[in-house]
């Protein structure tokens, strides 16, 4: 009886280990499967278009969560939904594993648009950008308790590294334009598949300038 229990224990352990390996995905297989993603997200997950997110160095748990959301219809985007629907669970795990191993690229200092108040003639554009980054840094670290805007650091870490076990995404060195779009979508409710709609509750209390400021700060994190 004791021997049978030992065999069962070993069998369960091997099954568990196999499940873990499968859940983590195959990096080499993921590289091949990610070739169709390269046109938007770059060959190594560093997109060249600032409105497409960088996927490099992102937590695989978060990437899997989002790909499943596109596949299941919890997130709606014509392009991404069409790409995700044919993917198997194994495909999603492999692609996520591959991108997680890639190094995210650094960004150059954001540039203000000409119609931005701070970019009008007679102003120093770089000083205006640095002021926005400083404002965003304060909001990232401390939030705004008077308006119940939570500090980003609580979920996304002091350096924008995110939280892998909780599937909170890494944000550091992400494109500012993509971050602005994402926060605006959370603010308006265009994107609301997050747990308990937490990001919507935070973003809806932020001004457009605060969204811009915190996005600029995050984009400069390394």
C-alpha atoms as a PDB file:
ATOM      1  CA  UNK A   1       0.000   0.000   0.000  1.00  0.00           C
ATOM      2  CA  UNK A   2       2.807   2.334   0.925  1.00  0.00           C
ATOM      3  CA  UNK A   3       4.583   1.573  -2.379  1.00  0.00           C
ATOM      4  CA  UNK A   4       1.377   2.271  -4.324  1.00  0.00           C
ATOM      5  CA  UNK A   5       1.028   5.644  -2.582  1.00  0.00           C
ATOM      6  CA  UNK A   6       4.646   6.503  -3.461  1.00  0.00           C
ATOM      7  CA  UNK A   7       4.034   5.632  -7.127  1.00  0.00           C
ATOM      8  CA  UNK A   8       0.847   7.712  -7.141  1.00  0.00           C
ATOM      9  CA  UNK A   9       2.698  10.615  -5.535  1.00  0.00           C
ATOM     10  CA  UNK A  10       5.462  10.485  -8.155  1.00  0.00           C
ATOM     11  CA  UNK A  11       2.888  10.248 -10.939  1.00  0.00           C
ATOM     12  CA  UNK A  12       1.028  13.292  -9.656  1.00  0.00           C
ATOM     13  CA  UNK A  13       4.286  15.204  -9.309  1.00  0.00           C
ATOM     14  CA  UNK A  14       5.244  14.433 -12.909  1.00  0.00           C
ATOM     15  CA  UNK A  15       1.785  15.407 -14.129  1.00  0.00           C
ATOM     16  CA  UNK A  16       2.022  18.661 -12.196  1.00  0.00           C
ATOM     17  CA  UNK A  17       5.469  19.414 -13.613  1.00  0.00           C
ATOM     18  CA  UNK A  18       4.231  18.733 -17.150  1.00  0.00           C
ATOM     19  CA  UNK A  19       1.296  21.075 -16.603  1.00  0.00           C
ATOM     20  CA  UNK A  20       3.591  23.813 -15.351  1.00  0.00           C
ATOM     21  CA  UNK A  21       5.909  23.470 -18.338  1.00  0.00           C
ATOM     22  CA  UNK A  22       2.977  23.541 -20.714  1.00  0.00           C
ATOM     23  CA  UNK A  23       1.504  26.591 -18.961  1.00  0.00           C
ATOM     24  CA  UNK A  24       4.790  28.453 -19.256  1.00  0.00           C
ATOM     25  CA  UNK A  25       5.022  27.788 -22.972  1.00  0.00           C
ATOM     26  CA  UNK A  26       7.840  26.926 -25.364  1.00  0.00           C
ATOM     27  CA  UNK A  27      10.021  29.921 -26.238  1.00  0.00           C
ATOM     28  CA  UNK A  28      11.395  28.518 -29.511  1.00  0.00           C
ATOM     29  CA  UNK A  29       7.941  27.549 -30.705  1.00  0.00           C
ATOM     30  CA  UNK A  30       6.661  30.937 -29.612  1.00  0.00           C
ATOM     31  CA  UNK A  31       9.260  32.721 -31.726  1.00  0.00           C
ATOM     32  CA  UNK A  32       7.996  30.984 -34.845  1.00  0.00           C
ATOM     33  CA  UNK A  33       4.349  31.510 -33.964  1.00  0.00           C
ATOM     34  CA  UNK A  34       4.958  35.207 -33.245  1.00  0.00           C
ATOM     35  CA  UNK A  35       6.128  35.880 -36.809  1.00  0.00           C
ATOM     36  CA  UNK A  36       2.605  36.925 -37.772  1.00  0.00           C
ATOM     37  CA  UNK A  37       2.641  39.489 -34.930  1.00  0.00           C
ATOM     38  CA  UNK A  38       5.854  41.187 -36.100  1.00  0.00           C
ATOM     39  CA  UNK A  39       4.226  43.572 -38.590  1.00  0.00           C
ATOM     40  CA  UNK A  40       2.561  45.453 -35.733  1.00  0.00           C
ATOM     41  CA  UNK A  41       4.594  44.563 -32.637  1.00  0.00           C
ATOM     42  CA  UNK A  42       8.094  44.236 -34.107  1.00  0.00           C
ATOM     43  CA  UNK A  43      10.234  41.146 -34.590  1.00  0.00           C
ATOM     44  CA  UNK A  44      11.300  41.116 -30.943  1.00  0.00           C
ATOM     45  CA  UNK A  45       8.189  42.691 -29.449  1.00  0.00           C
ATOM     46  CA  UNK A  46       9.385  46.296 -29.762  1.00  0.00           C
ATOM     47  CA  UNK A  47       6.853  47.942 -32.046  1.00  0.00           C
ATOM     48  CA  UNK A  48       8.019  50.796 -34.241  1.00  0.00           C
ATOM     49  CA  UNK A  49       4.561  52.425 -34.285  1.00  0.00           C
ATOM     50  CA  UNK A  50       3.861  54.286 -31.041  1.00  0.00           C
ATOM     51  CA  UNK A  51       0.155  53.403 -30.987  1.00  0.00           C
ATOM     52  CA  UNK A  52       0.931  49.657 -31.050  1.00  0.00           C
ATOM     53  CA  UNK A  53       2.111  48.333 -27.663  1.00  0.00           C
ATOM     54  CA  UNK A  54       5.531  46.881 -27.020  1.00  0.00           C
ATOM     55  CA  UNK A  55       5.195  43.263 -25.903  1.00  0.00           C
ATOM     56  CA  UNK A  56       8.856  42.642 -25.098  1.00  0.00           C
ATOM     57  CA  UNK A  57       9.647  41.786 -21.464  1.00  0.00           C
ATOM     58  CA  UNK A  58       5.956  41.642 -20.583  1.00  0.00           C
ATOM     59  CA  UNK A  59       4.818  39.102 -17.990  1.00  0.00           C
ATOM     60  CA  UNK A  60       3.605  35.947 -19.758  1.00  0.00           C
ATOM     61  CA  UNK A  61       0.684  35.703 -17.336  1.00  0.00           C
ATOM     62  CA  UNK A  62      -0.578  39.106 -18.495  1.00  0.00           C
ATOM     63  CA  UNK A  63      -0.014  38.401 -22.197  1.00  0.00           C
ATOM     64  CA  UNK A  64      -1.910  35.112 -21.906  1.00  0.00           C
ATOM     65  CA  UNK A  65      -4.730  36.835 -20.065  1.00  0.00           C
ATOM     66  CA  UNK A  66      -5.108  39.482 -22.766  1.00  0.00           C
ATOM     67  CA  UNK A  67      -4.845  37.083 -25.711  1.00  0.00           C
ATOM     68  CA  UNK A  68      -7.552  34.923 -24.159  1.00  0.00           C
ATOM     69  CA  UNK A  69      -9.651  38.068 -23.655  1.00  0.00           C
ATOM     70  CA  UNK A  70      -9.359  38.894 -27.369  1.00  0.00           C
ATOM     71  CA  UNK A  71     -10.081  35.268 -28.286  1.00  0.00           C
ATOM     72  CA  UNK A  72     -13.143  35.027 -26.020  1.00  0.00           C
ATOM     73  CA  UNK A  73     -14.534  38.450 -26.921  1.00  0.00           C
ATOM     74  CA  UNK A  74     -13.944  40.075 -23.529  1.00  0.00           C
ATOM     75  CA  UNK A  75     -11.769  42.611 -25.356  1.00  0.00           C
ATOM     76  CA  UNK A  76     -12.900  43.893 -28.719  1.00  0.00           C
ATOM     77  CA  UNK A  77     -10.495  44.926 -31.426  1.00  0.00           C
ATOM     78  CA  UNK A  78     -11.144  43.853 -35.030  1.00  0.00           C
ATOM     79  CA  UNK A  79      -7.479  43.145 -35.786  1.00  0.00           C
ATOM     80  CA  UNK A  80      -6.459  41.517 -32.508  1.00  0.00           C
ATOM     81  CA  UNK A  81      -9.637  39.465 -32.206  1.00  0.00           C
ATOM     82  CA  UNK A  82      -9.118  38.073 -35.695  1.00  0.00           C
ATOM     83  CA  UNK A  83      -5.512  37.182 -34.815  1.00  0.00           C
ATOM     84  CA  UNK A  84      -6.371  35.588 -31.453  1.00  0.00           C
ATOM     85  CA  UNK A  85      -9.428  33.491 -32.347  1.00  0.00           C
ATOM     86  CA  UNK A  86      -7.482  30.773 -34.242  1.00  0.00           C
ATOM     87  CA  UNK A  87      -4.861  30.438 -31.469  1.00  0.00           C
ATOM     88  CA  UNK A  88      -4.899  27.375 -29.231  1.00  0.00           C
ATOM     89  CA  UNK A  89      -4.083  27.561 -25.535  1.00  0.00           C
ATOM     90  CA  UNK A  90      -0.659  26.146 -26.379  1.00  0.00           C
ATOM     91  CA  UNK A  91      -0.099  28.799 -29.058  1.00  0.00           C
ATOM     92  CA  UNK A  92      -0.994  31.554 -26.612  1.00  0.00           C
ATOM     93  CA  UNK A  93       1.352  30.138 -23.949  1.00  0.00           C
ATOM     94  CA  UNK A  94       4.208  29.790 -26.450  1.00  0.00           C
ATOM     95  CA  UNK A  95       3.854  33.308 -27.898  1.00  0.00           C
ATOM     96  CA  UNK A  96       3.610  34.809 -24.416  1.00  0.00           C
ATOM     97  CA  UNK A  97       6.713  32.907 -23.279  1.00  0.00           C
ATOM     98  CA  UNK A  98       8.687  34.192 -26.262  1.00  0.00           C
ATOM     99  CA  UNK A  99       7.835  37.853 -25.798  1.00  0.00           C
ATOM    100  CA  UNK A 100       8.539  37.649 -22.057  1.00  0.00           C
ATOM    101  CA  UNK A 101      12.172  36.764 -22.811  1.00  0.00           C
ATOM    102  CA  UNK A 102      12.770  39.740 -25.121  1.00  0.00           C
ATOM    103  CA  UNK A 103      14.321  42.973 -23.831  1.00  0.00           C
ATOM    104  CA  UNK A 104      12.182  46.084 -24.114  1.00  0.00           C
ATOM    105  CA  UNK A 105      13.714  49.040 -25.927  1.00  0.00           C
ATOM    106  CA  UNK A 106      14.178  52.500 -24.406  1.00  0.00           C
ATOM    107  CA  UNK A 107      12.246  55.534 -25.634  1.00  0.00           C
ATOM    108  CA  UNK A 108      13.393  58.984 -26.642  1.00  0.00           C
ATOM    109  CA  UNK A 109      11.988  61.995 -24.793  1.00  0.00           C
ATOM    110  CA  UNK A 110       8.358  62.554 -25.809  1.00  0.00           C
ATOM    111  CA  UNK A 111       7.622  65.553 -28.026  1.00  0.00           C
ATOM    112  CA  UNK A 112       4.621  67.780 -27.503  1.00  0.00           C
ATOM    113  CA  UNK A 113       2.125  68.226 -30.318  1.00  0.00           C
ATOM    114  CA  UNK A 114       1.973  71.701 -31.849  1.00  0.00           C
ATOM    115  CA  UNK A 115      -1.609  72.166 -30.664  1.00  0.00           C
ATOM    116  CA  UNK A 116      -0.645  71.413 -27.080  1.00  0.00           C
ATOM    117  CA  UNK A 117      -0.842  74.432 -24.771  1.00  0.00           C
ATOM    118  CA  UNK A 118       2.753  73.950 -23.601  1.00  0.00           C
ATOM    119  CA  UNK A 119       4.049  73.721 -27.179  1.00  0.00           C
ATOM    120  CA  UNK A 120       2.934  77.168 -28.311  1.00  0.00           C
ATOM    121  CA  UNK A 121       5.522  79.584 -29.765  1.00  0.00           C
ATOM    122  CA  UNK A 122       7.683  81.250 -27.136  1.00  0.00           C
ATOM    123  CA  UNK A 123       7.723  78.255 -24.813  1.00  0.00           C
ATOM    124  CA  UNK A 124      10.542  75.797 -24.196  1.00  0.00           C
ATOM    125  CA  UNK A 125       9.241  72.420 -25.379  1.00  0.00           C
ATOM    126  CA  UNK A 126      11.766  70.308 -23.461  1.00  0.00           C
ATOM    127  CA  UNK A 127      11.121  72.184 -20.221  1.00  0.00           C
ATOM    128  CA  UNK A 128       7.387  71.664 -20.713  1.00  0.00           C
ATOM    129  CA  UNK A 129       7.889  67.943 -21.278  1.00  0.00           C
ATOM    130  CA  UNK A 130      10.106  67.640 -18.198  1.00  0.00           C
ATOM    131  CA  UNK A 131       7.453  69.454 -16.151  1.00  0.00           C
ATOM    132  CA  UNK A 132       4.834  66.978 -17.349  1.00  0.00           C
ATOM    133  CA  UNK A 133       7.130  64.055 -16.534  1.00  0.00           C
ATOM    134  CA  UNK A 134       7.662  65.438 -13.012  1.00  0.00           C
ATOM    135  CA  UNK A 135       3.902  65.797 -12.564  1.00  0.00           C
ATOM    136  CA  UNK A 136       3.406  62.268 -13.847  1.00  0.00           C
ATOM    137  CA  UNK A 137       6.081  60.951 -11.498  1.00  0.00           C
ATOM    138  CA  UNK A 138       4.298  62.434  -8.493  1.00  0.00           C
ATOM    139  CA  UNK A 139       0.986  60.973  -9.613  1.00  0.00           C
ATOM    140  CA  UNK A 140       2.592  57.576 -10.272  1.00  0.00           C
ATOM    141  CA  UNK A 141       4.149  57.451  -6.792  1.00  0.00           C
ATOM    142  CA  UNK A 142       1.513  59.179  -4.692  1.00  0.00           C
ATOM    143  CA  UNK A 143      -1.760  59.338  -6.596  1.00  0.00           C
ATOM    144  CA  UNK A 144      -4.240  62.011  -5.545  1.00  0.00           C
ATOM    145  CA  UNK A 145      -6.061  61.083  -2.367  1.00  0.00           C
ATOM    146  CA  UNK A 146      -8.343  64.120  -2.524  1.00  0.00           C
ATOM    147  CA  UNK A 147      -9.877  62.760  -5.749  1.00  0.00           C
ATOM    148  CA  UNK A 148      -9.384  59.079  -4.935  1.00  0.00           C
ATOM    149  CA  UNK A 149      -6.878  58.546  -7.748  1.00  0.00           C
ATOM    150  CA  UNK A 150      -4.783  55.565  -6.676  1.00  0.00           C
ATOM    151  CA  UNK A 151      -1.004  55.600  -7.017  1.00  0.00           C
ATOM    152  CA  UNK A 152       0.189  53.505  -9.972  1.00  0.00           C
ATOM    153  CA  UNK A 153       3.089  52.202  -7.874  1.00  0.00           C
ATOM    154  CA  UNK A 154       0.708  50.075  -5.787  1.00  0.00           C
ATOM    155  CA  UNK A 155       0.032  47.642  -8.638  1.00  0.00           C
ATOM    156  CA  UNK A 156       2.741  48.347 -11.203  1.00  0.00           C
ATOM    157  CA  UNK A 157       5.760  48.654  -8.896  1.00  0.00           C
ATOM    158  CA  UNK A 158       8.252  51.465  -8.239  1.00  0.00           C
ATOM    159  CA  UNK A 159       9.982  50.997 -11.592  1.00  0.00           C
ATOM    160  CA  UNK A 160       6.991  50.021 -13.713  1.00  0.00           C
ATOM    161  CA  UNK A 161       7.927  46.339 -13.462  1.00  0.00           C
ATOM    162  CA  UNK A 162       4.366  45.188 -12.775  1.00  0.00           C
ATOM    163  CA  UNK A 163       3.342  42.192 -10.683  1.00  0.00           C
ATOM    164  CA  UNK A 164       3.722  38.781 -12.340  1.00  0.00           C
ATOM    165  CA  UNK A 165       1.712  36.647  -9.828  1.00  0.00           C
ATOM    166  CA  UNK A 166      -1.195  39.112  -9.963  1.00  0.00           C
ATOM    167  CA  UNK A 167      -0.945  39.485 -13.761  1.00  0.00           C
ATOM    168  CA  UNK A 168      -0.531  43.246 -13.415  1.00  0.00           C
ATOM    169  CA  UNK A 169       1.378  44.349 -16.519  1.00  0.00           C
ATOM    170  CA  UNK A 170       4.861  45.786 -16.661  1.00  0.00           C
ATOM    171  CA  UNK A 171       4.618  49.365 -17.949  1.00  0.00           C
ATOM    172  CA  UNK A 172       8.202  50.616 -18.079  1.00  0.00           C
ATOM    173  CA  UNK A 173       9.424  51.924 -21.452  1.00  0.00           C
ATOM    174  CA  UNK A 174       5.997  51.450 -23.028  1.00  0.00           C
ATOM    175  CA  UNK A 175       5.101  53.927 -25.805  1.00  0.00           C
ATOM    176  CA  UNK A 176       3.580  57.102 -24.336  1.00  0.00           C
ATOM    177  CA  UNK A 177       1.024  57.317 -27.152  1.00  0.00           C
ATOM    178  CA  UNK A 178      -0.189  53.784 -26.442  1.00  0.00           C
ATOM    179  CA  UNK A 179      -0.405  54.483 -22.703  1.00  0.00           C
ATOM    180  CA  UNK A 180      -2.421  57.653 -23.351  1.00  0.00           C
ATOM    181  CA  UNK A 181      -4.819  55.728 -25.605  1.00  0.00           C
ATOM    182  CA  UNK A 182      -5.162  52.896 -23.094  1.00  0.00           C
ATOM    183  CA  UNK A 183      -5.857  55.167 -20.120  1.00  0.00           C
ATOM    184  CA  UNK A 184      -8.318  57.174 -22.201  1.00  0.00           C
ATOM    185  CA  UNK A 185     -10.092  53.952 -23.216  1.00  0.00           C
ATOM    186  CA  UNK A 186     -10.311  52.937 -19.551  1.00  0.00           C
ATOM    187  CA  UNK A 187     -11.587  56.413 -18.704  1.00  0.00           C
ATOM    188  CA  UNK A 188     -14.376  56.328 -21.301  1.00  0.00           C
ATOM    189  CA  UNK A 189     -15.230  52.678 -20.705  1.00  0.00           C
ATOM    190  CA  UNK A 190     -14.120  51.619 -24.184  1.00  0.00           C
ATOM    191  CA  UNK A 191     -11.918  49.070 -22.430  1.00  0.00           C
ATOM    192  CA  UNK A 192     -13.301  47.429 -19.329  1.00  0.00           C
ATOM    193  CA  UNK A 193     -12.225  43.784 -19.162  1.00  0.00           C
ATOM    194  CA  UNK A 194      -9.957  44.288 -16.140  1.00  0.00           C
ATOM    195  CA  UNK A 195     -10.774  42.706 -12.731  1.00  0.00           C
ATOM    196  CA  UNK A 196     -13.537  44.639 -10.931  1.00  0.00           C
ATOM    197  CA  UNK A 197     -13.175  47.390 -13.554  1.00  0.00           C
ATOM    198  CA  UNK A 198     -10.376  48.775 -11.373  1.00  0.00           C
ATOM    199  CA  UNK A 199      -8.615  50.766 -14.077  1.00  0.00           C
ATOM    200  CA  UNK A 200     -11.851  52.411 -15.196  1.00  0.00           C
ATOM    201  CA  UNK A 201     -12.522  53.562 -11.617  1.00  0.00           C
ATOM    202  CA  UNK A 202      -9.052  55.146 -11.472  1.00  0.00           C
ATOM    203  CA  UNK A 203      -8.806  56.586 -14.982  1.00  0.00           C
ATOM    204  CA  UNK A 204     -12.244  58.216 -14.996  1.00  0.00           C
ATOM    205  CA  UNK A 205     -11.072  60.521 -12.190  1.00  0.00           C
ATOM    206  CA  UNK A 206      -7.957  61.617 -14.075  1.00  0.00           C
ATOM    207  CA  UNK A 207      -7.794  64.702 -16.276  1.00  0.00           C
ATOM    208  CA  UNK A 208      -6.464  64.440 -19.825  1.00  0.00           C
ATOM    209  CA  UNK A 209      -3.354  66.312 -18.734  1.00  0.00           C
ATOM    210  CA  UNK A 210      -2.741  63.857 -15.883  1.00  0.00           C
ATOM    211  CA  UNK A 211      -3.110  60.950 -18.293  1.00  0.00           C
ATOM    212  CA  UNK A 212      -0.566  62.577 -20.583  1.00  0.00           C
ATOM    213  CA  UNK A 213       1.788  63.339 -17.696  1.00  0.00           C
ATOM    214  CA  UNK A 214       1.799  59.857 -16.165  1.00  0.00           C
ATOM    215  CA  UNK A 215       2.127  58.273 -19.612  1.00  0.00           C
ATOM    216  CA  UNK A 216       5.172  60.408 -20.347  1.00  0.00           C
ATOM    217  CA  UNK A 217       6.737  59.424 -17.010  1.00  0.00           C
ATOM    218  CA  UNK A 218       6.131  55.704 -17.525  1.00  0.00           C
ATOM    219  CA  UNK A 219       7.538  55.841 -21.033  1.00  0.00           C
ATOM    220  CA  UNK A 220      10.833  57.105 -19.587  1.00  0.00           C
ATOM    221  CA  UNK A 221      11.132  54.345 -16.956  1.00  0.00           C
ATOM    222  CA  UNK A 222      13.909  51.835 -17.588  1.00  0.00           C
END
